[in-house]
Amino acid sequence: MKLRVFAAIGLALGLLAQGAAFAQAYPSRPIRFVVPFPPGGATDIVTRIVAQKLNDQYKRQVAIVDNRGGAGGVVGSEIVARAAPDGYTLVMGTTGTHAINASLYAKPSYDPVKDFAPVTPVALLPNMLVAHPSIPVKNVRELIALSRARPGELSYASSGNFLYLSGALFTSMAKVDMLHVPFKGGAQAMPAVVGGEVALSFATIVSSLPLVQSGKLRGLAVTSAKRFPSAKEFPTVAESGLPGYEAVAWYGVFAPDGTPRDIIQQLNTDIVRIINSPEVRELLLKQGADSYATSVEEFARVVQRDVAKWAKVVKTSGAKAD
């Protein structure tokens, strides 16, 4: 009888040891890092920076990028929401995929809060409010005054849901009426503003800053809560005429809900270390993004806050997914 008890205890201890060894071995095989957008875009570039640095850190290929674009990020995000919660399938989510889509789609196929385990944000992508030089405004305060004096006459261009909703948030908070002119992409929107066909635009800093520096456009403000490191001469919208305004897209790593806590914490530790390195900070700045990494708990609060924030903007604007 004693031998059986000892044998059972030995077996249990052996299984525990194997489990501990398995946990310590993570990652023991490649991690599939899903990008819910096509190759070449900002989300893809940021993901590849993180994946490469993870590979460098482990001195082997532990992260493989898999582009699964479609339906505004829904396709790739849903793949990860339905994946096994074992730490080997992750997604680089965005404000669009994990905050805005929840209210933009009438019947979303995943819940950004319940279906995912947040790991950490990696970057913030503020935009810039720019105007054609012929528009007689030099700051946000003057723009609001002009818009109120000429309701419905000023137009703003956007390319994509987030930039459109950034404008919708602005007009709602400022209580002004401006005409929204949608474009398929920045390659179409920016020439329209430079040519004077559209008065204003909410655009990425990467695409707009060179045009501002060359005098083709006038930079009014950035949409972040703080001034952007590579464009510090431009005030924020909040400090230059519209207190409380902030419209910043974030990129962040998510795993499927149910992924073991120790794996989530290990990923957080590894990725936060990568994002806080001077080299990666510089790489992100070149993409018009500011490095931003934090704890699992704080990131969860950010997601919940932004789901609620953008739901109000979507409802007010009447926006719907195409």
C-alpha atoms as a PDB file:
ATOM      1  CA  MET A   1       0.000   0.000   0.000  1.00  0.00           C
ATOM      2  CA  LYS A   2       2.809   2.372   0.953  1.00  0.00           C
ATOM      3  CA  LEU A   3       4.586   1.586  -2.300  1.00  0.00           C
ATOM      4  CA  ARG A   4       1.473   2.571  -4.264  1.00  0.00           C
ATOM      5  CA  VAL A   5       1.173   5.828  -2.336  1.00  0.00           C
ATOM      6  CA  PHE A   6       4.828   6.629  -2.913  1.00  0.00           C
ATOM      7  CA  ALA A   7       4.460   5.735  -6.573  1.00  0.00           C
ATOM      8  CA  ALA A   8       1.434   8.024  -6.909  1.00  0.00           C
ATOM      9  CA  ILE A   9       3.265  10.859  -5.186  1.00  0.00           C
ATOM     10  CA  GLY A  10       6.256  10.296  -7.431  1.00  0.00           C
ATOM     11  CA  LEU A  11       4.092  10.369 -10.516  1.00  0.00           C
ATOM     12  CA  ALA A  12       2.369  13.582  -9.390  1.00  0.00           C
ATOM     13  CA  LEU A  13       5.686  15.254  -8.660  1.00  0.00           C
ATOM     14  CA  GLY A  14       6.969  14.139 -12.036  1.00  0.00           C
ATOM     15  CA  LEU A  15       3.981  15.632 -13.814  1.00  0.00           C
ATOM     16  CA  LEU A  16       4.401  18.895 -11.902  1.00  0.00           C
ATOM     17  CA  ALA A  17       8.054  18.996 -12.857  1.00  0.00           C
ATOM     18  CA  GLN A  18       7.182  18.372 -16.486  1.00  0.00           C
ATOM     19  CA  GLY A  19       4.555  21.123 -16.358  1.00  0.00           C
ATOM     20  CA  ALA A  20       7.046  23.545 -14.838  1.00  0.00           C
ATOM     21  CA  ALA A  21       9.624  22.640 -17.450  1.00  0.00           C
ATOM     22  CA  PHE A  22       7.034  23.154 -20.194  1.00  0.00           C
ATOM     23  CA  ALA A  23       6.098  26.578 -18.827  1.00  0.00           C
ATOM     24  CA  GLN A  24       9.744  27.595 -18.541  1.00  0.00           C
ATOM     25  CA  ALA A  25      10.363  26.466 -22.110  1.00  0.00           C
ATOM     26  CA  TYR A  26       7.893  28.954 -23.577  1.00  0.00           C
ATOM     27  CA  PRO A  27       8.189  29.691 -26.401  1.00  0.00           C
ATOM     28  CA  SER A  28       9.152  26.184 -27.467  1.00  0.00           C
ATOM     29  CA  ARG A  29       7.847  26.672 -31.019  1.00  0.00           C
ATOM     30  CA  PRO A  30       7.179  29.642 -33.323  1.00  0.00           C
ATOM     31  CA  ILE A  31       4.565  32.223 -32.314  1.00  0.00           C
ATOM     32  CA  ARG A  32       2.124  33.205 -35.054  1.00  0.00           C
ATOM     33  CA  PHE A  33       1.872  36.996 -34.981  1.00  0.00           C
ATOM     34  CA  VAL A  34      -1.238  37.951 -36.944  1.00  0.00           C
ATOM     35  CA  VAL A  35      -1.415  41.373 -38.583  1.00  0.00           C
ATOM     36  CA  PRO A  36      -5.085  42.086 -39.389  1.00  0.00           C
ATOM     37  CA  PHE A  37      -4.114  44.314 -42.326  1.00  0.00           C
ATOM     38  CA  PRO A  38      -2.208  43.876 -45.612  1.00  0.00           C
ATOM     39  CA  PRO A  39       1.609  44.075 -45.795  1.00  0.00           C
ATOM     40  CA  GLY A  40       3.299  47.469 -45.969  1.00  0.00           C
ATOM     41  CA  GLY A  41       0.977  49.454 -43.725  1.00  0.00           C
ATOM     42  CA  ALA A  42       1.834  50.984 -40.370  1.00  0.00           C
ATOM     43  CA  THR A  43       0.447  48.043 -38.354  1.00  0.00           C
ATOM     44  CA  ASP A  44       2.491  45.611 -40.426  1.00  0.00           C
ATOM     45  CA  ILE A  45       5.694  47.627 -40.019  1.00  0.00           C
ATOM     46  CA  VAL A  46       5.282  47.980 -36.252  1.00  0.00           C
ATOM     47  CA  THR A  47       4.551  44.256 -35.887  1.00  0.00           C
ATOM     48  CA  ARG A  48       7.635  43.298 -37.871  1.00  0.00           C
ATOM     49  CA  ILE A  49       9.804  45.516 -35.678  1.00  0.00           C
ATOM     50  CA  VAL A  50       8.519  43.750 -32.552  1.00  0.00           C
ATOM     51  CA  ALA A  51       8.761  40.276 -34.130  1.00  0.00           C
ATOM     52  CA  GLN A  52      12.337  40.813 -35.288  1.00  0.00           C
ATOM     53  CA  LYS A  53      13.416  42.036 -31.861  1.00  0.00           C
ATOM     54  CA  LEU A  54      11.795  39.003 -30.219  1.00  0.00           C
ATOM     55  CA  ASN A  55      13.768  36.796 -32.606  1.00  0.00           C
ATOM     56  CA  ASP A  56      16.942  38.697 -31.757  1.00  0.00           C
ATOM     57  CA  GLN A  57      16.255  38.355 -28.040  1.00  0.00           C
ATOM     58  CA  TYR A  58      15.784  34.573 -28.189  1.00  0.00           C
ATOM     59  CA  LYS A  59      18.483  34.141 -30.864  1.00  0.00           C
ATOM     60  CA  ARG A  60      16.082  32.071 -32.959  1.00  0.00           C
ATOM     61  CA  GLN A  61      12.895  32.591 -34.908  1.00  0.00           C
ATOM     62  CA  VAL A  62      10.152  32.636 -32.305  1.00  0.00           C
ATOM     63  CA  ALA A  63       7.806  35.085 -34.066  1.00  0.00           C
ATOM     64  CA  ILE A  64       6.403  34.639 -37.573  1.00  0.00           C
ATOM     65  CA  VAL A  65       4.294  37.470 -39.026  1.00  0.00           C
ATOM     66  CA  ASP A  66       1.080  36.425 -40.773  1.00  0.00           C
ATOM     67  CA  ASN A  67      -0.870  39.126 -42.639  1.00  0.00           C
ATOM     68  CA  ARG A  68      -4.614  38.430 -42.626  1.00  0.00           C
ATOM     69  CA  GLY A  69      -6.231  41.636 -43.831  1.00  0.00           C
ATOM     70  CA  GLY A  70      -9.899  42.197 -44.554  1.00  0.00           C
ATOM     71  CA  ALA A  71     -13.033  43.937 -43.285  1.00  0.00           C
ATOM     72  CA  GLY A  72     -11.200  46.697 -41.441  1.00  0.00           C
ATOM     73  CA  GLY A  73      -9.137  44.266 -39.394  1.00  0.00           C
ATOM     74  CA  VAL A  74     -12.041  41.992 -38.482  1.00  0.00           C
ATOM     75  CA  VAL A  75     -10.766  38.922 -40.360  1.00  0.00           C
ATOM     76  CA  GLY A  76      -7.370  38.736 -38.674  1.00  0.00           C
ATOM     77  CA  SER A  77      -8.689  39.673 -35.258  1.00  0.00           C
ATOM     78  CA  GLU A  78     -11.370  36.990 -35.396  1.00  0.00           C
ATOM     79  CA  ILE A  79      -8.763  34.343 -36.268  1.00  0.00           C
ATOM     80  CA  VAL A  80      -6.934  35.093 -33.036  1.00  0.00           C
ATOM     81  CA  ALA A  81     -10.115  35.350 -30.956  1.00  0.00           C
ATOM     82  CA  ARG A  82     -10.941  31.778 -32.003  1.00  0.00           C
ATOM     83  CA  ALA A  83      -7.392  30.394 -31.674  1.00  0.00           C
ATOM     84  CA  ALA A  84      -6.168  28.054 -28.947  1.00  0.00           C
ATOM     85  CA  PRO A  85      -5.251  30.079 -25.826  1.00  0.00           C
ATOM     86  CA  ASP A  86      -1.747  28.678 -25.572  1.00  0.00           C
ATOM     87  CA  GLY A  87       0.381  31.764 -26.274  1.00  0.00           C
ATOM     88  CA  TYR A  88       1.280  30.715 -29.808  1.00  0.00           C
ATOM     89  CA  THR A  89      -1.195  32.929 -31.665  1.00  0.00           C
ATOM     90  CA  LEU A  90      -1.145  36.693 -31.109  1.00  0.00           C
ATOM     91  CA  VAL A  91      -2.559  39.704 -32.920  1.00  0.00           C
ATOM     92  CA  MET A  92      -1.342  43.262 -33.249  1.00  0.00           C
ATOM     93  CA  GLY A  93      -4.596  45.015 -32.529  1.00  0.00           C
ATOM     94  CA  THR A  94      -5.313  48.704 -33.005  1.00  0.00           C
ATOM     95  CA  THR A  95      -7.760  51.283 -31.738  1.00  0.00           C
ATOM     96  CA  GLY A  96      -9.775  50.405 -34.828  1.00  0.00           C
ATOM     97  CA  THR A  97      -9.875  46.635 -34.381  1.00  0.00           C
ATOM     98  CA  HIS A  98     -10.161  46.568 -30.595  1.00  0.00           C
ATOM     99  CA  ALA A  99     -12.150  49.687 -29.743  1.00  0.00           C
ATOM    100  CA  ILE A 100     -13.961  51.244 -32.720  1.00  0.00           C
ATOM    101  CA  ASN A 101     -15.105  48.056 -34.509  1.00  0.00           C
ATOM    102  CA  ALA A 102     -17.098  47.016 -31.449  1.00  0.00           C
ATOM    103  CA  SER A 103     -19.663  49.736 -32.181  1.00  0.00           C
ATOM    104  CA  LEU A 104     -18.992  50.360 -35.866  1.00  0.00           C
ATOM    105  CA  TYR A 105     -20.350  46.951 -36.886  1.00  0.00           C
ATOM    106  CA  ALA A 106     -24.003  46.158 -36.211  1.00  0.00           C
ATOM    107  CA  LYS A 107     -23.139  42.545 -35.299  1.00  0.00           C
ATOM    108  CA  PRO A 108     -19.425  42.335 -34.484  1.00  0.00           C
ATOM    109  CA  SER A 109     -18.014  38.809 -34.744  1.00  0.00           C
ATOM    110  CA  TYR A 110     -15.817  39.179 -31.666  1.00  0.00           C
ATOM    111  CA  ASP A 111     -15.794  41.083 -28.406  1.00  0.00           C
ATOM    112  CA  PRO A 112     -12.564  43.096 -27.979  1.00  0.00           C
ATOM    113  CA  VAL A 113     -12.788  42.837 -24.187  1.00  0.00           C
ATOM    114  CA  LYS A 114     -14.189  39.342 -23.543  1.00  0.00           C
ATOM    115  CA  ASP A 115     -12.468  37.432 -26.363  1.00  0.00           C
ATOM    116  CA  PHE A 116      -8.899  38.665 -25.831  1.00  0.00           C
ATOM    117  CA  ALA A 117      -6.232  38.834 -23.172  1.00  0.00           C
ATOM    118  CA  PRO A 118      -4.375  42.160 -23.501  1.00  0.00           C
ATOM    119  CA  VAL A 119      -0.571  41.910 -23.308  1.00  0.00           C
ATOM    120  CA  THR A 120       0.786  45.437 -23.788  1.00  0.00           C
ATOM    121  CA  PRO A 121       0.449  48.420 -26.088  1.00  0.00           C
ATOM    122  CA  VAL A 122       3.545  49.063 -28.186  1.00  0.00           C
ATOM    123  CA  ALA A 123       2.999  52.438 -29.836  1.00  0.00           C
ATOM    124  CA  LEU A 124       0.785  55.499 -30.108  1.00  0.00           C
ATOM    125  CA  LEU A 125       0.061  57.039 -33.492  1.00  0.00           C
ATOM    126  CA  PRO A 126      -1.159  60.632 -33.203  1.00  0.00           C
ATOM    127  CA  ASN A 127      -2.276  62.536 -36.260  1.00  0.00           C
ATOM    128  CA  MET A 128      -1.972  66.120 -37.395  1.00  0.00           C
ATOM    129  CA  LEU A 129      -4.690  68.598 -38.257  1.00  0.00           C
ATOM    130  CA  VAL A 130      -3.546  70.409 -41.390  1.00  0.00           C
ATOM    131  CA  ALA A 131      -5.077  73.128 -43.549  1.00  0.00           C
ATOM    132  CA  HIS A 132      -4.587  74.486 -47.038  1.00  0.00           C
ATOM    133  CA  PRO A 133      -2.570  77.747 -46.830  1.00  0.00           C
ATOM    134  CA  SER A 134      -5.492  79.714 -48.271  1.00  0.00           C
ATOM    135  CA  ILE A 135      -7.633  78.995 -45.190  1.00  0.00           C
ATOM    136  CA  PRO A 136      -7.272  82.095 -42.950  1.00  0.00           C
ATOM    137  CA  VAL A 137      -6.512  80.257 -39.700  1.00  0.00           C
ATOM    138  CA  LYS A 138      -3.254  79.648 -37.853  1.00  0.00           C
ATOM    139  CA  ASN A 139      -4.481  77.622 -34.902  1.00  0.00           C
ATOM    140  CA  VAL A 140      -7.394  75.556 -33.626  1.00  0.00           C
ATOM    141  CA  ARG A 141      -9.029  78.473 -31.829  1.00  0.00           C
ATOM    142  CA  GLU A 142      -9.209  80.458 -35.088  1.00  0.00           C
ATOM    143  CA  LEU A 143     -10.444  77.384 -36.966  1.00  0.00           C
ATOM    144  CA  ILE A 144     -13.333  76.912 -34.540  1.00  0.00           C
ATOM    145  CA  ALA A 145     -14.261  80.604 -34.808  1.00  0.00           C
ATOM    146  CA  LEU A 146     -14.178  80.467 -38.625  1.00  0.00           C
ATOM    147  CA  SER A 147     -16.238  77.260 -38.694  1.00  0.00           C
ATOM    148  CA  ARG A 148     -18.902  78.827 -36.504  1.00  0.00           C
ATOM    149  CA  ALA A 149     -18.988  81.933 -38.699  1.00  0.00           C
ATOM    150  CA  ARG A 150     -19.265  79.806 -41.867  1.00  0.00           C
ATOM    151  CA  PRO A 151     -21.235  76.675 -40.855  1.00  0.00           C
ATOM    152  CA  GLY A 152     -21.015  73.840 -43.369  1.00  0.00           C
ATOM    153  CA  GLU A 153     -18.611  75.692 -45.671  1.00  0.00           C
ATOM    154  CA  LEU A 154     -15.315  74.216 -44.501  1.00  0.00           C
ATOM    155  CA  SER A 155     -14.539  70.640 -45.511  1.00  0.00           C
ATOM    156  CA  TYR A 156     -12.172  68.055 -44.092  1.00  0.00           C
ATOM    157  CA  ALA A 157     -10.691  65.013 -45.798  1.00  0.00           C
ATOM    158  CA  SER A 158     -10.161  61.629 -44.176  1.00  0.00           C
ATOM    159  CA  SER A 159      -8.838  58.246 -45.243  1.00  0.00           C
ATOM    160  CA  GLY A 160     -10.180  55.463 -43.079  1.00  0.00           C
ATOM    161  CA  ASN A 161     -12.578  55.153 -40.175  1.00  0.00           C
ATOM    162  CA  PHE A 162     -10.216  56.352 -37.461  1.00  0.00           C
ATOM    163  CA  LEU A 163      -9.331  59.608 -39.227  1.00  0.00           C
ATOM    164  CA  TYR A 164     -12.990  60.193 -40.046  1.00  0.00           C
ATOM    165  CA  LEU A 165     -13.987  59.665 -36.419  1.00  0.00           C
ATOM    166  CA  SER A 166     -11.133  61.929 -35.283  1.00  0.00           C
ATOM    167  CA  GLY A 167     -12.834  64.649 -37.304  1.00  0.00           C
ATOM    168  CA  ALA A 168     -16.266  63.678 -36.007  1.00  0.00           C
ATOM    169  CA  LEU A 169     -14.975  63.931 -32.431  1.00  0.00           C
ATOM    170  CA  PHE A 170     -13.548  67.374 -33.210  1.00  0.00           C
ATOM    171  CA  THR A 171     -16.747  68.763 -34.732  1.00  0.00           C
ATOM    172  CA  SER A 172     -18.838  67.317 -31.909  1.00  0.00           C
ATOM    173  CA  MET A 173     -16.666  68.738 -29.122  1.00  0.00           C
ATOM    174  CA  ALA A 174     -16.207  72.105 -30.857  1.00  0.00           C
ATOM    175  CA  LYS A 175     -19.898  72.267 -31.784  1.00  0.00           C
ATOM    176  CA  VAL A 176     -19.147  73.169 -35.396  1.00  0.00           C
ATOM    177  CA  ASP A 177     -20.483  71.968 -38.731  1.00  0.00           C
ATOM    178  CA  MET A 178     -17.897  70.887 -41.307  1.00  0.00           C
ATOM    179  CA  LEU A 179     -18.339  68.814 -44.454  1.00  0.00           C
ATOM    180  CA  HIS A 180     -16.668  65.401 -44.359  1.00  0.00           C
ATOM    181  CA  VAL A 181     -15.035  64.287 -47.623  1.00  0.00           C
ATOM    182  CA  PRO A 182     -13.940  60.619 -47.486  1.00  0.00           C
ATOM    183  CA  PHE A 183     -11.084  59.167 -49.536  1.00  0.00           C
ATOM    184  CA  LYS A 184      -9.928  55.571 -49.927  1.00  0.00           C
ATOM    185  CA  GLY A 185      -6.432  56.356 -48.711  1.00  0.00           C
ATOM    186  CA  GLY A 186      -3.918  59.049 -47.834  1.00  0.00           C
ATOM    187  CA  ALA A 187      -2.529  58.890 -51.365  1.00  0.00           C
ATOM    188  CA  GLN A 188      -5.813  60.380 -52.564  1.00  0.00           C
ATOM    189  CA  ALA A 189      -6.687  62.573 -49.577  1.00  0.00           C
ATOM    190  CA  MET A 190      -3.460  64.554 -49.248  1.00  0.00           C
ATOM    191  CA  PRO A 191      -3.288  65.744 -52.888  1.00  0.00           C
ATOM    192  CA  ALA A 192      -6.878  66.955 -52.565  1.00  0.00           C
ATOM    193  CA  VAL A 193      -5.933  69.152 -49.594  1.00  0.00           C
ATOM    194  CA  VAL A 194      -2.679  70.328 -51.202  1.00  0.00           C
ATOM    195  CA  GLY A 195      -4.650  71.237 -54.334  1.00  0.00           C
ATOM    196  CA  GLY A 196      -7.211  73.200 -52.330  1.00  0.00           C
ATOM    197  CA  GLU A 197     -10.120  70.926 -53.215  1.00  0.00           C
ATOM    198  CA  VAL A 198     -10.626  70.245 -49.500  1.00  0.00           C
ATOM    199  CA  ALA A 199      -9.841  72.776 -46.777  1.00  0.00           C
ATOM    200  CA  LEU A 200      -8.536  70.537 -43.994  1.00  0.00           C
ATOM    201  CA  SER A 201      -7.482  67.032 -43.106  1.00  0.00           C
ATOM    202  CA  PHE A 202      -6.755  64.805 -40.161  1.00  0.00           C
ATOM    203  CA  ALA A 203      -3.728  62.902 -41.449  1.00  0.00           C
ATOM    204  CA  THR A 204      -0.815  60.844 -40.195  1.00  0.00           C
ATOM    205  CA  ILE A 205       2.243  62.815 -39.122  1.00  0.00           C
ATOM    206  CA  VAL A 206       4.425  60.826 -41.522  1.00  0.00           C
ATOM    207  CA  SER A 207       2.349  61.883 -44.532  1.00  0.00           C
ATOM    208  CA  SER A 208       1.574  65.446 -43.476  1.00  0.00           C
ATOM    209  CA  LEU A 209       4.743  66.763 -41.816  1.00  0.00           C
ATOM    210  CA  PRO A 210       6.860  66.916 -45.011  1.00  0.00           C
ATOM    211  CA  LEU A 211       4.074  68.845 -46.745  1.00  0.00           C
ATOM    212  CA  VAL A 212       3.868  71.243 -43.811  1.00  0.00           C
ATOM    213  CA  GLN A 213       7.628  71.756 -43.760  1.00  0.00           C
ATOM    214  CA  SER A 214       7.641  72.486 -47.503  1.00  0.00           C
ATOM    215  CA  GLY A 215       4.880  75.100 -47.108  1.00  0.00           C
ATOM    216  CA  LYS A 216       2.301  73.187 -49.108  1.00  0.00           C
ATOM    217  CA  LEU A 217       0.102  72.772 -46.030  1.00  0.00           C
ATOM    218  CA  ARG A 218      -0.230  74.569 -42.708  1.00  0.00           C
ATOM    219  CA  GLY A 219       0.080  72.470 -39.586  1.00  0.00           C
ATOM    220  CA  LEU A 220      -2.411  73.528 -36.921  1.00  0.00           C
ATOM    221  CA  ALA A 221      -2.007  70.934 -34.175  1.00  0.00           C
ATOM    222  CA  VAL A 222      -1.374  67.298 -33.306  1.00  0.00           C
ATOM    223  CA  THR A 223      -4.174  65.123 -31.973  1.00  0.00           C
ATOM    224  CA  SER A 224      -2.314  63.547 -29.031  1.00  0.00           C
ATOM    225  CA  ALA A 225      -2.569  64.575 -25.373  1.00  0.00           C
ATOM    226  CA  LYS A 226       1.110  65.589 -25.418  1.00  0.00           C
ATOM    227  CA  ARG A 227       3.263  67.148 -28.106  1.00  0.00           C
ATOM    228  CA  PHE A 228       4.840  64.665 -30.479  1.00  0.00           C
ATOM    229  CA  PRO A 229       8.633  64.188 -30.031  1.00  0.00           C
ATOM    230  CA  SER A 230       9.579  64.812 -33.688  1.00  0.00           C
ATOM    231  CA  ALA A 231       7.136  67.710 -34.154  1.00  0.00           C
ATOM    232  CA  LYS A 232       7.343  69.556 -30.839  1.00  0.00           C
ATOM    233  CA  GLU A 233       6.801  72.934 -32.472  1.00  0.00           C
ATOM    234  CA  PHE A 234       3.162  72.013 -33.077  1.00  0.00           C
ATOM    235  CA  PRO A 235       0.749  72.301 -30.120  1.00  0.00           C
ATOM    236  CA  THR A 236      -1.891  69.731 -29.315  1.00  0.00           C
ATOM    237  CA  VAL A 237      -5.504  70.338 -30.292  1.00  0.00           C
ATOM    238  CA  ALA A 238      -6.341  70.393 -26.591  1.00  0.00           C
ATOM    239  CA  GLU A 239      -3.876  73.136 -25.685  1.00  0.00           C
ATOM    240  CA  SER A 240      -4.603  75.288 -28.732  1.00  0.00           C
ATOM    241  CA  GLY A 241      -8.349  75.693 -28.537  1.00  0.00           C
ATOM    242  CA  LEU A 242     -10.260  72.515 -27.700  1.00  0.00           C
ATOM    243  CA  PRO A 243      -9.535  71.299 -24.139  1.00  0.00           C
ATOM    244  CA  GLY A 244      -9.992  67.583 -23.560  1.00  0.00           C
ATOM    245  CA  TYR A 245      -9.616  66.568 -27.200  1.00  0.00           C
ATOM    246  CA  GLU A 246      -7.482  63.511 -27.888  1.00  0.00           C
ATOM    247  CA  ALA A 247      -7.591  61.161 -30.861  1.00  0.00           C
ATOM    248  CA  VAL A 248      -4.656  58.784 -30.859  1.00  0.00           C
ATOM    249  CA  ALA A 249      -4.494  55.365 -32.441  1.00  0.00           C
ATOM    250  CA  TRP A 250      -2.621  52.749 -30.476  1.00  0.00           C
ATOM    251  CA  TYR A 251      -1.113  49.455 -31.519  1.00  0.00           C
ATOM    252  CA  GLY A 252      -1.153  46.658 -28.971  1.00  0.00           C
ATOM    253  CA  VAL A 253      -0.509  42.950 -28.591  1.00  0.00           C
ATOM    254  CA  PHE A 254      -3.391  40.624 -27.696  1.00  0.00           C
ATOM    255  CA  ALA A 255      -3.662  36.887 -27.084  1.00  0.00           C
ATOM    256  CA  PRO A 256      -6.865  34.806 -27.046  1.00  0.00           C
ATOM    257  CA  ASP A 257      -8.845  34.963 -23.817  1.00  0.00           C
ATOM    258  CA  GLY A 258      -7.862  32.138 -21.476  1.00  0.00           C
ATOM    259  CA  THR A 259      -4.159  32.267 -22.282  1.00  0.00           C
ATOM    260  CA  PRO A 260      -2.237  31.327 -19.090  1.00  0.00           C
ATOM    261  CA  ARG A 261      -1.311  34.290 -16.933  1.00  0.00           C
ATOM    262  CA  ASP A 262       2.365  33.345 -16.738  1.00  0.00           C
ATOM    263  CA  ILE A 263       2.637  33.369 -20.533  1.00  0.00           C
ATOM    264  CA  ILE A 264       0.885  36.743 -20.758  1.00  0.00           C
ATOM    265  CA  GLN A 265       3.263  38.146 -18.159  1.00  0.00           C
ATOM    266  CA  GLN A 266       6.321  36.754 -19.925  1.00  0.00           C
ATOM    267  CA  LEU A 267       5.190  38.293 -23.222  1.00  0.00           C
ATOM    268  CA  ASN A 268       4.566  41.588 -21.468  1.00  0.00           C
ATOM    269  CA  THR A 269       8.035  41.589 -19.910  1.00  0.00           C
ATOM    270  CA  ASP A 270       9.751  40.709 -23.199  1.00  0.00           C
ATOM    271  CA  ILE A 271       7.840  43.196 -25.348  1.00  0.00           C
ATOM    272  CA  VAL A 272       7.969  46.085 -22.863  1.00  0.00           C
ATOM    273  CA  ARG A 273      11.765  45.664 -22.738  1.00  0.00           C
ATOM    274  CA  ILE A 274      11.871  45.803 -26.552  1.00  0.00           C
ATOM    275  CA  ILE A 275       9.646  48.881 -26.842  1.00  0.00           C
ATOM    276  CA  ASN A 276      11.612  50.807 -24.208  1.00  0.00           C
ATOM    277  CA  SER A 277      14.929  50.279 -25.968  1.00  0.00           C
ATOM    278  CA  PRO A 278      16.383  53.455 -27.600  1.00  0.00           C
ATOM    279  CA  GLU A 279      16.777  51.690 -30.945  1.00  0.00           C
ATOM    280  CA  VAL A 280      13.116  50.711 -31.187  1.00  0.00           C
ATOM    281  CA  ARG A 281      11.983  54.133 -29.978  1.00  0.00           C
ATOM    282  CA  GLU A 282      13.893  55.655 -32.894  1.00  0.00           C
ATOM    283  CA  LEU A 283      12.493  53.140 -35.388  1.00  0.00           C
ATOM    284  CA  LEU A 284       8.937  53.909 -34.283  1.00  0.00           C
ATOM    285  CA  LEU A 285       9.477  57.674 -34.476  1.00  0.00           C
ATOM    286  CA  LYS A 286      10.444  57.250 -38.136  1.00  0.00           C
ATOM    287  CA  GLN A 287       7.014  55.698 -38.667  1.00  0.00           C
ATOM    288  CA  GLY A 288       5.295  58.644 -36.992  1.00  0.00           C
ATOM    289  CA  ALA A 289       4.635  56.593 -33.854  1.00  0.00           C
ATOM    290  CA  ASP A 290       5.614  57.168 -30.246  1.00  0.00           C
ATOM    291  CA  SER A 291       6.710  54.124 -28.228  1.00  0.00           C
ATOM    292  CA  TYR A 292       4.254  53.213 -25.479  1.00  0.00           C
ATOM    293  CA  ALA A 293       4.324  50.086 -23.334  1.00  0.00           C
ATOM    294  CA  THR A 294       2.709  49.425 -19.979  1.00  0.00           C
ATOM    295  CA  SER A 295       1.377  46.730 -17.666  1.00  0.00           C
ATOM    296  CA  VAL A 296      -1.257  44.169 -18.597  1.00  0.00           C
ATOM    297  CA  GLU A 297      -3.727  45.748 -16.178  1.00  0.00           C
ATOM    298  CA  GLU A 298      -3.234  49.291 -17.480  1.00  0.00           C
ATOM    299  CA  PHE A 299      -3.628  48.168 -21.079  1.00  0.00           C
ATOM    300  CA  ALA A 300      -6.894  46.438 -20.196  1.00  0.00           C
ATOM    301  CA  ARG A 301      -8.162  49.732 -18.750  1.00  0.00           C
ATOM    302  CA  VAL A 302      -7.110  51.599 -21.914  1.00  0.00           C
ATOM    303  CA  VAL A 303      -9.063  49.186 -24.118  1.00  0.00           C
ATOM    304  CA  GLN A 304     -12.212  49.415 -21.979  1.00  0.00           C
ATOM    305  CA  ARG A 305     -11.972  53.210 -21.877  1.00  0.00           C
ATOM    306  CA  ASP A 306     -11.593  53.520 -25.644  1.00  0.00           C
ATOM    307  CA  VAL A 307     -14.375  51.065 -26.439  1.00  0.00           C
ATOM    308  CA  ALA A 308     -16.723  53.347 -24.493  1.00  0.00           C
ATOM    309  CA  LYS A 309     -15.217  56.572 -25.854  1.00  0.00           C
ATOM    310  CA  TRP A 310     -15.467  55.677 -29.533  1.00  0.00           C
ATOM    311  CA  ALA A 311     -18.895  54.098 -29.143  1.00  0.00           C
ATOM    312  CA  LYS A 312     -20.207  57.562 -28.254  1.00  0.00           C
ATOM    313  CA  VAL A 313     -18.485  59.115 -31.275  1.00  0.00           C
ATOM    314  CA  VAL A 314     -19.803  56.412 -33.626  1.00  0.00           C
ATOM    315  CA  LYS A 315     -23.347  56.902 -32.293  1.00  0.00           C
ATOM    316  CA  THR A 316     -23.186  60.706 -32.603  1.00  0.00           C
ATOM    317  CA  SER A 317     -21.705  60.605 -36.097  1.00  0.00           C
ATOM    318  CA  GLY A 318     -23.981  57.860 -37.369  1.00  0.00           C
ATOM    319  CA  ALA A 319     -20.980  56.046 -38.810  1.00  0.00           C
ATOM    320  CA  LYS A 320     -21.406  52.452 -39.999  1.00  0.00           C
ATOM    321  CA  ALA A 321     -18.964  49.901 -41.380  1.00  0.00           C
ATOM    322  CA  ASP A 322     -18.851  49.655 -45.147  1.00  0.00           C
END
